[in-house]
Amino acid sequence: MNTHFQRHETVPPHTRNLAATDQFKWSAEFEVPAIGTDVLIRINDIGRAQVVGYATQDGYLGVMTVPYSPPAWWVRQNGPAGLGNPALAFGAKISPVTSKEKTP
């Protein structure tokens, strides 16, 4: 299994078994979000983002996201959020968006 960063257009085979070594690991209790779905990136207060793809790194599966309103420090560190500059977020660091939450 390739442990280096790799982009994926579709969700690769994966498992929720974090001890597995033969498949990529998805670290959330919910299913991998579909492209176009909104998620909340909880780490560092990044906030709501749209899933635009998938990636794997170091044996873990993550989602490529575009934050709607990232904090100023994030923009200074990473540049403007957009399709050409997506952010990788792993399952343990995101939450699904509920219908009670406002649209950006």
C-alpha atoms as a PDB file:
ATOM      1  CA  MET A   1       0.000   0.000   0.000  1.00  0.00           C
ATOM      2  CA  ASN A   2       1.303   3.452  -0.958  1.00  0.00           C
ATOM      3  CA  THR A   3       1.758   5.600   2.171  1.00  0.00           C
ATOM      4  CA  HIS A   4       2.639   8.818   0.331  1.00  0.00           C
ATOM      5  CA  PHE A   5       0.085  11.509  -0.470  1.00  0.00           C
ATOM      6  CA  GLN A   6      -2.111  10.491  -3.394  1.00  0.00           C
ATOM      7  CA  ARG A   7      -5.263  12.131  -4.803  1.00  0.00           C
ATOM      8  CA  HIS A   8      -8.281   9.995  -5.774  1.00  0.00           C
ATOM      9  CA  GLU A   9     -11.309  10.836  -7.921  1.00  0.00           C
ATOM     10  CA  THR A  10     -13.413   8.150  -6.248  1.00  0.00           C
ATOM     11  CA  VAL A  11     -13.363   6.659  -2.758  1.00  0.00           C
ATOM     12  CA  PRO A  12     -10.692   3.919  -2.673  1.00  0.00           C
ATOM     13  CA  PRO A  13     -11.232   0.652  -0.791  1.00  0.00           C
ATOM     14  CA  HIS A  14     -10.992   1.395   2.927  1.00  0.00           C
ATOM     15  CA  THR A  15     -11.824   0.140   6.405  1.00  0.00           C
ATOM     16  CA  ARG A  16     -12.750   1.600   9.789  1.00  0.00           C
ATOM     17  CA  ASN A  17     -10.424  -0.902  11.454  1.00  0.00           C
ATOM     18  CA  LEU A  18      -7.591   1.420  12.489  1.00  0.00           C
ATOM     19  CA  ALA A  19      -5.288  -1.562  13.100  1.00  0.00           C
ATOM     20  CA  ALA A  20      -5.550  -2.726   9.472  1.00  0.00           C
ATOM     21  CA  THR A  21      -2.442  -2.665   7.312  1.00  0.00           C
ATOM     22  CA  ASP A  22      -3.884  -3.916   4.014  1.00  0.00           C
ATOM     23  CA  GLN A  23      -6.409  -1.120   3.321  1.00  0.00           C
ATOM     24  CA  PHE A  24      -6.619   2.616   3.819  1.00  0.00           C
ATOM     25  CA  LYS A  25      -8.198   3.573   7.150  1.00  0.00           C
ATOM     26  CA  TRP A  26     -11.205   5.899   7.487  1.00  0.00           C
ATOM     27  CA  SER A  27     -11.074   7.388  10.997  1.00  0.00           C
ATOM     28  CA  ALA A  28     -14.697   8.535  11.446  1.00  0.00           C
ATOM     29  CA  GLU A  29     -17.815   6.788  12.712  1.00  0.00           C
ATOM     30  CA  PHE A  30     -19.835   8.016   9.686  1.00  0.00           C
ATOM     31  CA  GLU A  31     -19.527   7.073   6.019  1.00  0.00           C
ATOM     32  CA  VAL A  32     -17.048   8.852   3.749  1.00  0.00           C
ATOM     33  CA  PRO A  33     -18.832  12.010   2.524  1.00  0.00           C
ATOM     34  CA  ALA A  34     -19.676  12.269  -1.174  1.00  0.00           C
ATOM     35  CA  ILE A  35     -18.155  14.937  -3.411  1.00  0.00           C
ATOM     36  CA  GLY A  36     -20.301  18.059  -3.146  1.00  0.00           C
ATOM     37  CA  THR A  37     -21.251  17.350   0.479  1.00  0.00           C
ATOM     38  CA  ASP A  38     -20.560  19.928   3.181  1.00  0.00           C
ATOM     39  CA  VAL A  39     -18.625  18.963   6.315  1.00  0.00           C
ATOM     40  CA  LEU A  40     -17.411  20.823   9.403  1.00  0.00           C
ATOM     41  CA  ILE A  41     -13.645  20.851   9.846  1.00  0.00           C
ATOM     42  CA  ARG A  42     -13.442  20.950  13.633  1.00  0.00           C
ATOM     43  CA  ILE A  43      -9.683  21.205  13.964  1.00  0.00           C
ATOM     44  CA  ASN A  44      -8.309  24.744  14.398  1.00  0.00           C
ATOM     45  CA  ASP A  45     -11.759  26.302  13.908  1.00  0.00           C
ATOM     46  CA  ILE A  46     -11.569  26.025  10.107  1.00  0.00           C
ATOM     47  CA  GLY A  47     -15.330  25.570   9.855  1.00  0.00           C
ATOM     48  CA  ARG A  48     -17.632  24.517   7.085  1.00  0.00           C
ATOM     49  CA  ALA A  49     -16.150  23.192   3.832  1.00  0.00           C
ATOM     50  CA  GLN A  50     -17.250  21.417   0.682  1.00  0.00           C
ATOM     51  CA  VAL A  51     -15.844  17.986  -0.217  1.00  0.00           C
ATOM     52  CA  VAL A  52     -14.188  18.182  -3.655  1.00  0.00           C
ATOM     53  CA  GLY A  53     -12.257  14.904  -3.761  1.00  0.00           C
ATOM     54  CA  TYR A  54     -10.375  12.262  -1.826  1.00  0.00           C
ATOM     55  CA  ALA A  55      -6.769  11.607  -0.879  1.00  0.00           C
ATOM     56  CA  THR A  56      -4.721   9.103   1.052  1.00  0.00           C
ATOM     57  CA  GLN A  57      -1.628   9.695   3.140  1.00  0.00           C
ATOM     58  CA  ASP A  58       0.281   7.500   5.571  1.00  0.00           C
ATOM     59  CA  GLY A  59      -2.325   4.741   5.279  1.00  0.00           C
ATOM     60  CA  TYR A  60      -5.339   6.963   6.005  1.00  0.00           C
ATOM     61  CA  LEU A  61      -8.172   8.110   3.747  1.00  0.00           C
ATOM     62  CA  GLY A  62      -9.198  11.755   3.886  1.00  0.00           C
ATOM     63  CA  VAL A  63     -11.399  14.177   2.004  1.00  0.00           C
ATOM     64  CA  MET A  64     -10.124  17.095  -0.052  1.00  0.00           C
ATOM     65  CA  THR A  65     -12.149  20.126   0.968  1.00  0.00           C
ATOM     66  CA  VAL A  66     -12.573  23.798   0.144  1.00  0.00           C
ATOM     67  CA  PRO A  67     -13.356  25.825   3.289  1.00  0.00           C
ATOM     68  CA  TYR A  68     -16.042  28.476   2.785  1.00  0.00           C
ATOM     69  CA  SER A  69     -14.645  31.023   5.261  1.00  0.00           C
ATOM     70  CA  PRO A  70     -11.308  29.837   6.628  1.00  0.00           C
ATOM     71  CA  PRO A  71      -9.677  31.814   9.432  1.00  0.00           C
ATOM     72  CA  ALA A  72      -7.235  34.559   8.442  1.00  0.00           C
ATOM     73  CA  TRP A  73      -4.260  32.526   9.745  1.00  0.00           C
ATOM     74  CA  TRP A  74      -5.266  29.669   7.420  1.00  0.00           C
ATOM     75  CA  VAL A  75      -5.335  31.965   4.385  1.00  0.00           C
ATOM     76  CA  ARG A  76      -1.939  33.460   5.338  1.00  0.00           C
ATOM     77  CA  GLN A  77      -0.454  29.987   5.740  1.00  0.00           C
ATOM     78  CA  ASN A  78      -2.119  28.246   2.766  1.00  0.00           C
ATOM     79  CA  GLY A  79      -3.332  30.938   0.376  1.00  0.00           C
ATOM     80  CA  PRO A  80      -6.923  31.580  -0.662  1.00  0.00           C
ATOM     81  CA  ALA A  81      -9.318  28.645  -0.396  1.00  0.00           C
ATOM     82  CA  GLY A  82     -10.470  27.309  -3.754  1.00  0.00           C
ATOM     83  CA  LEU A  83     -10.597  24.299  -6.050  1.00  0.00           C
ATOM     84  CA  GLY A  84      -6.940  24.846  -6.935  1.00  0.00           C
ATOM     85  CA  ASN A  85      -5.972  24.898  -3.263  1.00  0.00           C
ATOM     86  CA  PRO A  86      -8.042  22.272  -1.405  1.00  0.00           C
ATOM     87  CA  ALA A  87      -7.346  21.195   2.176  1.00  0.00           C
ATOM     88  CA  LEU A  88      -6.959  17.552   3.209  1.00  0.00           C
ATOM     89  CA  ALA A  89      -9.073  16.621   6.236  1.00  0.00           C
ATOM     90  CA  PHE A  90      -9.222  13.192   7.849  1.00  0.00           C
ATOM     91  CA  GLY A  91     -12.410  11.633   9.221  1.00  0.00           C
ATOM     92  CA  ALA A  92     -11.507  12.123  12.885  1.00  0.00           C
ATOM     93  CA  LYS A  93     -11.206  15.887  12.319  1.00  0.00           C
ATOM     94  CA  ILE A  94     -14.527  16.476  10.540  1.00  0.00           C
ATOM     95  CA  SER A  95     -18.239  16.135  11.246  1.00  0.00           C
ATOM     96  CA  PRO A  96     -21.188  15.816   8.910  1.00  0.00           C
ATOM     97  CA  VAL A  97     -23.274  18.976   8.541  1.00  0.00           C
ATOM     98  CA  THR A  98     -26.728  18.660  10.080  1.00  0.00           C
ATOM     99  CA  SER A  99     -29.885  20.189   8.614  1.00  0.00           C
ATOM    100  CA  LYS A 100     -30.031  22.563  11.633  1.00  0.00           C
ATOM    101  CA  GLU A 101     -26.830  24.322  10.559  1.00  0.00           C
ATOM    102  CA  LYS A 102     -27.021  27.360   8.331  1.00  0.00           C
ATOM    103  CA  THR A 103     -25.894  27.417   4.726  1.00  0.00           C
ATOM    104  CA  PRO A 104     -22.728  29.487   4.246  1.00  0.00           C
END
